[in-house]
Amino acid sequence: MRKTPSPLRAALSAAMLAPVIAVSFAALHSAPAHAQAIIIAPSAPPPARVEAPPPARAGYAWDPGHWRWAHGGYVWAPGHWRPVRAGYRWIPGHWVQRGPNWRWVEGHWA
């Protein structure tokens, strides 16, 4: 014969499981700080705008402007300076074609 758990035992089990479930749920739905959203556009971006970088800044790398996908269309994002990481070089973000769509590859240090 199977024993049914007492109400106290059931309440204690639920109380012990609740934090574990909450932490597990949060871990599944949060991304690490370095994770980037995957951006896919259904058409090629327009040609890049010609943008002359401002005079060089010591300790900074120029990240050129690019087209970003927002609200169903391309929007120009102007270039900006990024602090240099010693021993690395900046690879600007760029669009790559994947089948009929285009995917944004975030700029990064290499």
PDB file of N, CA and C in Angstrom:
ATOM      1  N   MET A   1       0.836  -1.171   0.000  1.00  0.00           N
ATOM      2  CA  MET A   1       0.000   0.000   0.000  1.00  0.00           C
ATOM      3  C   MET A   1       0.889   1.245   0.000  1.00  0.00           C
ATOM      4  N   ARG A   2       0.527   2.200  -0.831  1.00  0.00           N
ATOM      5  CA  ARG A   2       1.307   3.422  -0.975  1.00  0.00           C
ATOM      6  C   ARG A   2       0.849   4.470   0.030  1.00  0.00           C
ATOM      7  N   LYS A   3       1.831   5.104   0.643  1.00  0.00           N
ATOM      8  CA  LYS A   3       1.548   6.119   1.641  1.00  0.00           C
ATOM      9  C   LYS A   3       1.362   7.471   0.964  1.00  0.00           C
ATOM     10  N   THR A   4       0.347   8.230   1.326  1.00  0.00           N
ATOM     11  CA  THR A   4       0.165   9.578   0.780  1.00  0.00           C
ATOM     12  C   THR A   4       0.955  10.558   1.647  1.00  0.00           C
ATOM     13  N   PRO A   5       1.604  11.531   1.008  1.00  0.00           N
ATOM     14  CA  PRO A   5       2.405  12.468   1.789  1.00  0.00           C
ATOM     15  C   PRO A   5       1.520  13.365   2.642  1.00  0.00           C
ATOM     16  N   SER A   6       2.021  13.702   3.805  1.00  0.00           N
ATOM     17  CA  SER A   6       1.276  14.597   4.693  1.00  0.00           C
ATOM     18  C   SER A   6       1.293  16.006   4.112  1.00  0.00           C
ATOM     19  N   PRO A   7       0.310  16.829   4.486  1.00  0.00           N
ATOM     20  CA  PRO A   7       0.295  18.210   3.983  1.00  0.00           C
ATOM     21  C   PRO A   7       1.567  18.971   4.353  1.00  0.00           C
ATOM     22  N   LEU A   8       2.114  18.723   5.532  1.00  0.00           N
ATOM     23  CA  LEU A   8       3.341  19.401   5.955  1.00  0.00           C
ATOM     24  C   LEU A   8       4.511  18.991   5.067  1.00  0.00           C
ATOM     25  N   ARG A   9       4.598  17.697   4.819  1.00  0.00           N
ATOM     26  CA  ARG A   9       5.691  17.193   3.983  1.00  0.00           C
ATOM     27  C   ARG A   9       5.574  17.761   2.557  1.00  0.00           C
ATOM     28  N   ALA A  10       4.379  17.823   2.000  1.00  0.00           N
ATOM     29  CA  ALA A  10       4.165  18.371   0.663  1.00  0.00           C
ATOM     30  C   ALA A  10       4.537  19.851   0.625  1.00  0.00           C
ATOM     31  N   ALA A  11       4.178  20.603   1.674  1.00  0.00           N
ATOM     32  CA  ALA A  11       4.508  22.031   1.731  1.00  0.00           C
ATOM     33  C   ALA A  11       6.012  22.232   1.820  1.00  0.00           C
ATOM     34  N   LEU A  12       6.694  21.416   2.629  1.00  0.00           N
ATOM     35  CA  LEU A  12       8.153  21.530   2.740  1.00  0.00           C
ATOM     36  C   LEU A  12       8.840  21.189   1.415  1.00  0.00           C
ATOM     37  N   SER A  13       8.354  20.166   0.745  1.00  0.00           N
ATOM     38  CA  SER A  13       8.934  19.799  -0.559  1.00  0.00           C
ATOM     39  C   SER A  13       8.763  20.926  -1.560  1.00  0.00           C
ATOM     40  N   ALA A  14       7.586  21.528  -1.595  1.00  0.00           N
ATOM     41  CA  ALA A  14       7.332  22.640  -2.518  1.00  0.00           C
ATOM     42  C   ALA A  14       8.212  23.830  -2.173  1.00  0.00           C
ATOM     43  N   ALA A  15       8.366  24.108  -0.876  1.00  0.00           N
ATOM     44  CA  ALA A  15       9.185  25.242  -0.442  1.00  0.00           C
ATOM     45  C   ALA A  15      10.652  25.033  -0.817  1.00  0.00           C
ATOM     46  N   MET A  16      11.111  23.791  -0.769  1.00  0.00           N
ATOM     47  CA  MET A  16      12.508  23.511  -1.111  1.00  0.00           C
ATOM     48  C   MET A  16      12.723  23.525  -2.620  1.00  0.00           C
ATOM     49  N   LEU A  17      11.714  23.129  -3.376  1.00  0.00           N
ATOM     50  CA  LEU A  17      11.849  23.089  -4.829  1.00  0.00           C
ATOM     51  C   LEU A  17      11.684  24.454  -5.492  1.00  0.00           C
ATOM     52  N   ALA A  18      10.909  25.343  -4.897  1.00  0.00           N
ATOM     53  CA  ALA A  18      10.611  26.639  -5.520  1.00  0.00           C
ATOM     54  C   ALA A  18      11.870  27.422  -5.891  1.00  0.00           C
ATOM     55  N   PRO A  19      12.867  27.580  -4.986  1.00  0.00           N
ATOM     56  CA  PRO A  19      14.069  28.329  -5.383  1.00  0.00           C
ATOM     57  C   PRO A  19      14.856  27.640  -6.503  1.00  0.00           C
ATOM     58  N   VAL A  20      14.895  26.317  -6.478  1.00  0.00           N
ATOM     59  CA  VAL A  20      15.612  25.582  -7.526  1.00  0.00           C
ATOM     60  C   VAL A  20      14.946  25.816  -8.880  1.00  0.00           C
ATOM     61  N   ILE A  21      13.632  25.757  -8.898  1.00  0.00           N
ATOM     62  CA  ILE A  21      12.901  25.985 -10.152  1.00  0.00           C
ATOM     63  C   ILE A  21      13.084  27.420 -10.621  1.00  0.00           C
ATOM     64  N   ALA A  22      13.020  28.382  -9.702  1.00  0.00           N
ATOM     65  CA  ALA A  22      13.183  29.796 -10.073  1.00  0.00           C
ATOM     66  C   ALA A  22      14.560  30.058 -10.665  1.00  0.00           C
ATOM     67  N   VAL A  23      15.600  29.523 -10.026  1.00  0.00           N
ATOM     68  CA  VAL A  23      16.966  29.720 -10.535  1.00  0.00           C
ATOM     69  C   VAL A  23      17.130  29.032 -11.884  1.00  0.00           C
ATOM     70  N   SER A  24      16.601  27.846 -12.043  1.00  0.00           N
ATOM     71  CA  SER A  24      16.699  27.135 -13.322  1.00  0.00           C
ATOM     72  C   SER A  24      16.009  27.908 -14.432  1.00  0.00           C
ATOM     73  N   PHE A  25      14.830  28.434 -14.145  1.00  0.00           N
ATOM     74  CA  PHE A  25      14.084  29.204 -15.139  1.00  0.00           C
ATOM     75  C   PHE A  25      14.862  30.454 -15.532  1.00  0.00           C
ATOM     76  N   ALA A  26      15.421  31.154 -14.550  1.00  0.00           N
ATOM     77  CA  ALA A  26      16.195  32.374 -14.836  1.00  0.00           C
ATOM     78  C   ALA A  26      17.421  32.050 -15.670  1.00  0.00           C
ATOM     79  N   ALA A  27      18.087  30.948 -15.373  1.00  0.00           N
ATOM     80  CA  ALA A  27      19.283  30.573 -16.130  1.00  0.00           C
ATOM     81  C   ALA A  27      18.945  30.251 -17.578  1.00  0.00           C
ATOM     82  N   LEU A  28      17.803  29.641 -17.800  1.00  0.00           N
ATOM     83  CA  LEU A  28      17.406  29.307 -19.159  1.00  0.00           C
ATOM     84  C   LEU A  28      17.056  30.536 -19.985  1.00  0.00           C
ATOM     85  N   HIS A  29      16.551  31.579 -19.342  1.00  0.00           N
ATOM     86  CA  HIS A  29      16.063  32.737 -20.068  1.00  0.00           C
ATOM     87  C   HIS A  29      16.955  33.955 -19.992  1.00  0.00           C
ATOM     88  N   SER A  30      18.141  33.816 -19.455  1.00  0.00           N
ATOM     89  CA  SER A  30      19.071  34.942 -19.448  1.00  0.00           C
ATOM     90  C   SER A  30      20.288  34.547 -20.270  1.00  0.00           C
ATOM     91  N   ALA A  31      20.827  35.519 -20.972  1.00  0.00           N
ATOM     92  CA  ALA A  31      21.996  35.268 -21.803  1.00  0.00           C
ATOM     93  C   ALA A  31      23.218  35.868 -21.132  1.00  0.00           C
ATOM     94  N   PRO A  32      24.389  35.306 -21.376  1.00  0.00           N
ATOM     95  CA  PRO A  32      25.587  35.918 -20.822  1.00  0.00           C
ATOM     96  C   PRO A  32      25.784  37.317 -21.394  1.00  0.00           C
ATOM     97  N   ALA A  33      26.537  38.143 -20.673  1.00  0.00           N
ATOM     98  CA  ALA A  33      26.735  39.540 -21.072  1.00  0.00           C
ATOM     99  C   ALA A  33      27.348  39.652 -22.467  1.00  0.00           C
ATOM    100  N   HIS A  34      28.177  38.685 -22.861  1.00  0.00           N
ATOM    101  CA  HIS A  34      28.845  38.778 -24.159  1.00  0.00           C
ATOM    102  C   HIS A  34      27.989  38.253 -25.315  1.00  0.00           C
ATOM    103  N   ALA A  35      26.844  37.659 -25.026  1.00  0.00           N
ATOM    104  CA  ALA A  35      26.001  37.112 -26.091  1.00  0.00           C
ATOM    105  C   ALA A  35      25.339  38.240 -26.879  1.00  0.00           C
ATOM    106  N   GLN A  36      25.246  38.066 -28.165  1.00  0.00           N
ATOM    107  CA  GLN A  36      24.625  39.055 -29.045  1.00  0.00           C
ATOM    108  C   GLN A  36      23.388  38.439 -29.682  1.00  0.00           C
ATOM    109  N   ALA A  37      22.413  39.262 -29.930  1.00  0.00           N
ATOM    110  CA  ALA A  37      21.221  38.798 -30.622  1.00  0.00           C
ATOM    111  C   ALA A  37      21.574  38.469 -32.069  1.00  0.00           C
ATOM    112  N   ILE A  38      20.948  37.458 -32.611  1.00  0.00           N
ATOM    113  CA  ILE A  38      21.147  37.113 -34.016  1.00  0.00           C
ATOM    114  C   ILE A  38      20.209  37.983 -34.831  1.00  0.00           C
ATOM    115  N   ILE A  39      20.774  38.726 -35.770  1.00  0.00           N
ATOM    116  CA  ILE A  39      19.987  39.638 -36.594  1.00  0.00           C
ATOM    117  C   ILE A  39      19.996  39.120 -38.023  1.00  0.00           C
ATOM    118  N   ILE A  40      18.810  38.865 -38.559  1.00  0.00           N
ATOM    119  CA  ILE A  40      18.671  38.362 -39.925  1.00  0.00           C
ATOM    120  C   ILE A  40      17.745  39.292 -40.684  1.00  0.00           C
ATOM    121  N   ALA A  41      18.183  39.717 -41.847  1.00  0.00           N
ATOM    122  CA  ALA A  41      17.382  40.609 -42.696  1.00  0.00           C
ATOM    123  C   ALA A  41      17.015  39.867 -43.976  1.00  0.00           C
ATOM    124  N   PRO A  42      15.852  40.156 -44.548  1.00  0.00           N
ATOM    125  CA  PRO A  42      15.413  39.437 -45.740  1.00  0.00           C
ATOM    126  C   PRO A  42      15.997  39.966 -47.051  1.00  0.00           C
ATOM    127  N   SER A  43      16.734  41.069 -46.995  1.00  0.00           N
ATOM    128  CA  SER A  43      17.309  41.630 -48.226  1.00  0.00           C
ATOM    129  C   SER A  43      18.693  42.192 -47.944  1.00  0.00           C
ATOM    130  N   ALA A  44      19.455  42.371 -48.998  1.00  0.00           N
ATOM    131  CA  ALA A  44      20.818  42.904 -48.866  1.00  0.00           C
ATOM    132  C   ALA A  44      20.780  44.337 -48.353  1.00  0.00           C
ATOM    133  N   PRO A  45      21.795  44.730 -47.572  1.00  0.00           N
ATOM    134  CA  PRO A  45      21.847  46.117 -47.122  1.00  0.00           C
ATOM    135  C   PRO A  45      22.203  47.035 -48.289  1.00  0.00           C
ATOM    136  N   PRO A  46      21.845  48.320 -48.205  1.00  0.00           N
ATOM    137  CA  PRO A  46      22.253  49.269 -49.245  1.00  0.00           C
ATOM    138  C   PRO A  46      23.781  49.402 -49.238  1.00  0.00           C
ATOM    139  N   PRO A  47      24.343  50.001 -50.284  1.00  0.00           N
ATOM    140  CA  PRO A  47      25.796  50.230 -50.266  1.00  0.00           C
ATOM    141  C   PRO A  47      26.183  51.091 -49.064  1.00  0.00           C
ATOM    142  N   ALA A  48      27.342  50.817 -48.505  1.00  0.00           N
ATOM    143  CA  ALA A  48      27.808  51.579 -47.336  1.00  0.00           C
ATOM    144  C   ALA A  48      27.997  53.039 -47.705  1.00  0.00           C
ATOM    145  N   ARG A  49      27.708  53.906 -46.781  1.00  0.00           N
ATOM    146  CA  ARG A  49      27.942  55.335 -46.993  1.00  0.00           C
ATOM    147  C   ARG A  49      29.430  55.608 -46.847  1.00  0.00           C
ATOM    148  N   VAL A  50      29.918  56.580 -47.592  1.00  0.00           N
ATOM    149  CA  VAL A  50      31.321  56.985 -47.448  1.00  0.00           C
ATOM    150  C   VAL A  50      31.376  57.909 -46.241  1.00  0.00           C
ATOM    151  N   GLU A  51      32.170  57.523 -45.291  1.00  0.00           N
ATOM    152  CA  GLU A  51      32.258  58.255 -44.035  1.00  0.00           C
ATOM    153  C   GLU A  51      33.726  58.465 -43.693  1.00  0.00           C
ATOM    154  N   ALA A  52      34.192  59.693 -43.736  1.00  0.00           N
ATOM    155  CA  ALA A  52      35.584  59.969 -43.394  1.00  0.00           C
ATOM    156  C   ALA A  52      35.725  59.941 -41.878  1.00  0.00           C
ATOM    157  N   PRO A  53      36.630  59.118 -41.362  1.00  0.00           N
ATOM    158  CA  PRO A  53      36.789  59.089 -39.908  1.00  0.00           C
ATOM    159  C   PRO A  53      37.392  60.399 -39.403  1.00  0.00           C
ATOM    160  N   PRO A  54      37.047  60.782 -38.204  1.00  0.00           N
ATOM    161  CA  PRO A  54      37.666  61.972 -37.630  1.00  0.00           C
ATOM    162  C   PRO A  54      39.156  61.720 -37.398  1.00  0.00           C
ATOM    163  N   PRO A  55      39.913  62.742 -37.043  1.00  0.00           N
ATOM    164  CA  PRO A  55      41.345  62.535 -36.777  1.00  0.00           C
ATOM    165  C   PRO A  55      41.554  61.426 -35.746  1.00  0.00           C
ATOM    166  N   ALA A  56      42.659  60.700 -35.906  1.00  0.00           N
ATOM    167  CA  ALA A  56      42.963  59.554 -35.042  1.00  0.00           C
ATOM    168  C   ALA A  56      42.995  59.962 -33.575  1.00  0.00           C
ATOM    169  N   ARG A  57      42.580  59.044 -32.728  1.00  0.00           N
ATOM    170  CA  ARG A  57      42.622  59.236 -31.273  1.00  0.00           C
ATOM    171  C   ARG A  57      43.513  58.157 -30.687  1.00  0.00           C
ATOM    172  N   ALA A  58      44.506  58.556 -29.924  1.00  0.00           N
ATOM    173  CA  ALA A  58      45.414  57.594 -29.293  1.00  0.00           C
ATOM    174  C   ALA A  58      44.617  56.682 -28.369  1.00  0.00           C
ATOM    175  N   GLY A  59      44.862  55.375 -28.499  1.00  0.00           N
ATOM    176  CA  GLY A  59      44.191  54.411 -27.637  1.00  0.00           C
ATOM    177  C   GLY A  59      42.813  53.993 -28.095  1.00  0.00           C
ATOM    178  N   TYR A  60      42.414  54.421 -29.332  1.00  0.00           N
ATOM    179  CA  TYR A  60      41.091  54.079 -29.839  1.00  0.00           C
ATOM    180  C   TYR A  60      41.182  53.572 -31.270  1.00  0.00           C
ATOM    181  N   ALA A  61      40.258  52.682 -31.634  1.00  0.00           N
ATOM    182  CA  ALA A  61      40.147  52.174 -33.005  1.00  0.00           C
ATOM    183  C   ALA A  61      38.832  52.681 -33.590  1.00  0.00           C
ATOM    184  N   TRP A  62      38.851  53.060 -34.862  1.00  0.00           N
ATOM    185  CA  TRP A  62      37.651  53.551 -35.521  1.00  0.00           C
ATOM    186  C   TRP A  62      36.791  52.379 -35.963  1.00  0.00           C
ATOM    187  N   ASP A  63      35.529  52.385 -35.574  1.00  0.00           N
ATOM    188  CA  ASP A  63      34.561  51.383 -36.005  1.00  0.00           C
ATOM    189  C   ASP A  63      33.673  52.085 -37.027  1.00  0.00           C
ATOM    190  N   PRO A  64      33.819  51.756 -38.320  1.00  0.00           N
ATOM    191  CA  PRO A  64      33.085  52.491 -39.352  1.00  0.00           C
ATOM    192  C   PRO A  64      31.572  52.296 -39.249  1.00  0.00           C
ATOM    193  N   GLY A  65      30.852  53.254 -39.803  1.00  0.00           N
ATOM    194  CA  GLY A  65      29.403  53.178 -39.817  1.00  0.00           C
ATOM    195  C   GLY A  65      28.926  51.978 -40.628  1.00  0.00           C
ATOM    196  N   HIS A  66      27.693  51.575 -40.397  1.00  0.00           N
ATOM    197  CA  HIS A  66      27.120  50.414 -41.099  1.00  0.00           C
ATOM    198  C   HIS A  66      25.599  50.523 -41.091  1.00  0.00           C
ATOM    199  N   TRP A  67      24.996  49.733 -41.940  1.00  0.00           N
ATOM    200  CA  TRP A  67      23.537  49.634 -41.944  1.00  0.00           C
ATOM    201  C   TRP A  67      23.130  48.611 -40.904  1.00  0.00           C
ATOM    202  N   ARG A  68      22.168  48.978 -40.064  1.00  0.00           N
ATOM    203  CA  ARG A  68      21.618  48.012 -39.113  1.00  0.00           C
ATOM    204  C   ARG A  68      20.149  47.786 -39.449  1.00  0.00           C
ATOM    205  N   TRP A  69      19.653  46.619 -39.097  1.00  0.00           N
ATOM    206  CA  TRP A  69      18.269  46.253 -39.386  1.00  0.00           C
ATOM    207  C   TRP A  69      17.414  46.640 -38.183  1.00  0.00           C
ATOM    208  N   ALA A  70      16.394  47.464 -38.409  1.00  0.00           N
ATOM    209  CA  ALA A  70      15.522  47.884 -37.313  1.00  0.00           C
ATOM    210  C   ALA A  70      14.115  48.134 -37.843  1.00  0.00           C
ATOM    211  N   HIS A  71      13.143  47.570 -37.187  1.00  0.00           N
ATOM    212  CA  HIS A  71      11.723  47.801 -37.513  1.00  0.00           C
ATOM    213  C   HIS A  71      11.402  47.535 -38.987  1.00  0.00           C
ATOM    214  N   GLY A  72      11.966  46.471 -39.522  1.00  0.00           N
ATOM    215  CA  GLY A  72      11.633  46.068 -40.884  1.00  0.00           C
ATOM    216  C   GLY A  72      12.379  46.810 -41.981  1.00  0.00           C
ATOM    217  N   GLY A  73      13.443  47.515 -41.650  1.00  0.00           N
ATOM    218  CA  GLY A  73      14.215  48.226 -42.675  1.00  0.00           C
ATOM    219  C   GLY A  73      15.614  48.548 -42.187  1.00  0.00           C
ATOM    220  N   TYR A  74      16.455  48.988 -43.120  1.00  0.00           N
ATOM    221  CA  TYR A  74      17.825  49.344 -42.776  1.00  0.00           C
ATOM    222  C   TYR A  74      17.899  50.790 -42.301  1.00  0.00           C
ATOM    223  N   VAL A  75      18.700  51.009 -41.269  1.00  0.00           N
ATOM    224  CA  VAL A  75      18.926  52.335 -40.698  1.00  0.00           C
ATOM    225  C   VAL A  75      20.435  52.520 -40.572  1.00  0.00           C
ATOM    226  N   TRP A  76      20.947  53.694 -40.946  1.00  0.00           N
ATOM    227  CA  TRP A  76      22.386  53.932 -40.881  1.00  0.00           C
ATOM    228  C   TRP A  76      22.816  54.171 -39.434  1.00  0.00           C
ATOM    229  N   ALA A  77      23.859  53.481 -39.019  1.00  0.00           N
ATOM    230  CA  ALA A  77      24.475  53.678 -37.700  1.00  0.00           C
ATOM    231  C   ALA A  77      25.851  54.296 -37.954  1.00  0.00           C
ATOM    232  N   PRO A  78      26.080  55.536 -37.551  1.00  0.00           N
ATOM    233  CA  PRO A  78      27.359  56.185 -37.849  1.00  0.00           C
ATOM    234  C   PRO A  78      28.524  55.528 -37.114  1.00  0.00           C
ATOM    235  N   GLY A  79      29.719  55.735 -37.655  1.00  0.00           N
ATOM    236  CA  GLY A  79      30.926  55.184 -37.050  1.00  0.00           C
ATOM    237  C   GLY A  79      31.207  55.822 -35.702  1.00  0.00           C
ATOM    238  N   HIS A  80      32.053  55.148 -34.929  1.00  0.00           N
ATOM    239  CA  HIS A  80      32.419  55.667 -33.615  1.00  0.00           C
ATOM    240  C   HIS A  80      33.751  55.056 -33.180  1.00  0.00           C
ATOM    241  N   TRP A  81      34.339  55.642 -32.165  1.00  0.00           N
ATOM    242  CA  TRP A  81      35.608  55.154 -31.635  1.00  0.00           C
ATOM    243  C   TRP A  81      35.364  54.079 -30.587  1.00  0.00           C
ATOM    244  N   ARG A  82      36.256  53.074 -30.575  1.00  0.00           N
ATOM    245  CA  ARG A  82      36.221  52.016 -29.564  1.00  0.00           C
ATOM    246  C   ARG A  82      37.571  51.984 -28.864  1.00  0.00           C
ATOM    247  N   PRO A  83      37.585  51.821 -27.539  1.00  0.00           N
ATOM    248  CA  PRO A  83      38.874  51.712 -26.846  1.00  0.00           C
ATOM    249  C   PRO A  83      39.641  50.491 -27.354  1.00  0.00           C
ATOM    250  N   VAL A  84      40.922  50.668 -27.565  1.00  0.00           N
ATOM    251  CA  VAL A  84      41.774  49.587 -28.090  1.00  0.00           C
ATOM    252  C   VAL A  84      41.988  48.523 -27.021  1.00  0.00           C
ATOM    253  N   ARG A  85      42.036  47.275 -27.470  1.00  0.00           N
ATOM    254  CA  ARG A  85      42.454  46.163 -26.608  1.00  0.00           C
ATOM    255  C   ARG A  85      43.861  45.788 -27.037  1.00  0.00           C
ATOM    256  N   ALA A  86      44.796  45.914 -26.139  1.00  0.00           N
ATOM    257  CA  ALA A  86      46.209  45.655 -26.454  1.00  0.00           C
ATOM    258  C   ALA A  86      46.386  44.251 -27.028  1.00  0.00           C
ATOM    259  N   GLY A  87      47.116  44.174 -28.141  1.00  0.00           N
ATOM    260  CA  GLY A  87      47.404  42.892 -28.762  1.00  0.00           C
ATOM    261  C   GLY A  87      46.315  42.386 -29.699  1.00  0.00           C
ATOM    262  N   TYR A  88      45.261  43.156 -29.913  1.00  0.00           N
ATOM    263  CA  TYR A  88      44.156  42.756 -30.783  1.00  0.00           C
ATOM    264  C   TYR A  88      43.938  43.799 -31.868  1.00  0.00           C
ATOM    265  N   ARG A  89      43.228  43.403 -32.911  1.00  0.00           N
ATOM    266  CA  ARG A  89      42.822  44.388 -33.921  1.00  0.00           C
ATOM    267  C   ARG A  89      41.319  44.281 -34.094  1.00  0.00           C
ATOM    268  N   TRP A  90      40.697  45.407 -34.410  1.00  0.00           N
ATOM    269  CA  TRP A  90      39.247  45.488 -34.525  1.00  0.00           C
ATOM    270  C   TRP A  90      38.785  44.956 -35.870  1.00  0.00           C
ATOM    271  N   ILE A  91      37.855  44.024 -35.862  1.00  0.00           N
ATOM    272  CA  ILE A  91      37.206  43.511 -37.074  1.00  0.00           C
ATOM    273  C   ILE A  91      35.816  44.147 -37.092  1.00  0.00           C
ATOM    274  N   PRO A  92      35.556  45.065 -38.038  1.00  0.00           N
ATOM    275  CA  PRO A  92      34.244  45.730 -38.061  1.00  0.00           C
ATOM    276  C   PRO A  92      33.106  44.746 -38.330  1.00  0.00           C
ATOM    277  N   GLY A  93      31.944  45.080 -37.809  1.00  0.00           N
ATOM    278  CA  GLY A  93      30.755  44.285 -38.082  1.00  0.00           C
ATOM    279  C   GLY A  93      30.444  44.310 -39.576  1.00  0.00           C
ATOM    280  N   HIS A  94      29.793  43.276 -40.062  1.00  0.00           N
ATOM    281  CA  HIS A  94      29.488  43.209 -41.496  1.00  0.00           C
ATOM    282  C   HIS A  94      28.328  42.234 -41.734  1.00  0.00           C
ATOM    283  N   TRP A  95      27.691  42.395 -42.880  1.00  0.00           N
ATOM    284  CA  TRP A  95      26.586  41.530 -43.283  1.00  0.00           C
ATOM    285  C   TRP A  95      27.120  40.406 -44.159  1.00  0.00           C
ATOM    286  N   VAL A  96      26.613  39.192 -43.958  1.00  0.00           N
ATOM    287  CA  VAL A  96      26.962  38.054 -44.812  1.00  0.00           C
ATOM    288  C   VAL A  96      25.663  37.409 -45.296  1.00  0.00           C
ATOM    289  N   GLN A  97      25.685  36.955 -46.522  1.00  0.00           N
ATOM    290  CA  GLN A  97      24.493  36.322 -47.077  1.00  0.00           C
ATOM    291  C   GLN A  97      24.436  34.867 -46.648  1.00  0.00           C
ATOM    292  N   ARG A  98      23.261  34.449 -46.193  1.00  0.00           N
ATOM    293  CA  ARG A  98      22.992  33.057 -45.815  1.00  0.00           C
ATOM    294  C   ARG A  98      21.724  32.648 -46.542  1.00  0.00           C
ATOM    295  N   GLY A  99      21.886  31.979 -47.681  1.00  0.00           N
ATOM    296  CA  GLY A  99      20.717  31.621 -48.484  1.00  0.00           C
ATOM    297  C   GLY A  99      20.076  32.897 -49.003  1.00  0.00           C
ATOM    298  N   PRO A 100      18.761  33.025 -48.879  1.00  0.00           N
ATOM    299  CA  PRO A 100      18.092  34.232 -49.377  1.00  0.00           C
ATOM    300  C   PRO A 100      18.160  35.410 -48.391  1.00  0.00           C
ATOM    301  N   ASN A 101      18.642  35.154 -47.169  1.00  0.00           N
ATOM    302  CA  ASN A 101      18.674  36.189 -46.133  1.00  0.00           C
ATOM    303  C   ASN A 101      20.085  36.712 -45.893  1.00  0.00           C
ATOM    304  N   TRP A 102      20.163  37.763 -45.081  1.00  0.00           N
ATOM    305  CA  TRP A 102      21.431  38.368 -44.710  1.00  0.00           C
ATOM    306  C   TRP A 102      21.538  38.367 -43.188  1.00  0.00           C
ATOM    307  N   ARG A 103      22.712  38.003 -42.692  1.00  0.00           N
ATOM    308  CA  ARG A 103      22.939  37.914 -41.246  1.00  0.00           C
ATOM    309  C   ARG A 103      24.028  38.888 -40.834  1.00  0.00           C
ATOM    310  N   TRP A 104      23.784  39.606 -39.721  1.00  0.00           N
ATOM    311  CA  TRP A 104      24.741  40.558 -39.196  1.00  0.00           C
ATOM    312  C   TRP A 104      25.782  39.841 -38.338  1.00  0.00           C
ATOM    313  N   VAL A 105      27.059  40.079 -38.633  1.00  0.00           N
ATOM    314  CA  VAL A 105      28.152  39.549 -37.823  1.00  0.00           C
ATOM    315  C   VAL A 105      28.699  40.734 -37.031  1.00  0.00           C
ATOM    316  N   GLU A 106      28.542  40.686 -35.731  1.00  0.00           N
ATOM    317  CA  GLU A 106      28.938  41.782 -34.863  1.00  0.00           C
ATOM    318  C   GLU A 106      30.448  42.033 -34.942  1.00  0.00           C
ATOM    319  N   GLY A 107      30.842  43.303 -34.859  1.00  0.00           N
ATOM    320  CA  GLY A 107      32.266  43.631 -34.811  1.00  0.00           C
ATOM    321  C   GLY A 107      32.897  43.028 -33.570  1.00  0.00           C
ATOM    322  N   HIS A 108      34.190  42.716 -33.658  1.00  0.00           N
ATOM    323  CA  HIS A 108      34.860  42.073 -32.534  1.00  0.00           C
ATOM    324  C   HIS A 108      36.365  42.258 -32.614  1.00  0.00           C
ATOM    325  N   TRP A 109      37.029  42.015 -31.512  1.00  0.00           N
ATOM    326  CA  TRP A 109      38.482  42.076 -31.444  1.00  0.00           C
ATOM    327  C   TRP A 109      39.055  40.705 -31.785  1.00  0.00           C
ATOM    328  N   ALA A 110      40.073  40.674 -32.624  1.00  0.00           N
ATOM    329  CA  ALA A 110      40.716  39.401 -32.997  1.00  0.00           C
ATOM    330  C   ALA A 110      42.220  39.530 -32.827  1.00  0.00           C
TER     331      ALA A 110
END
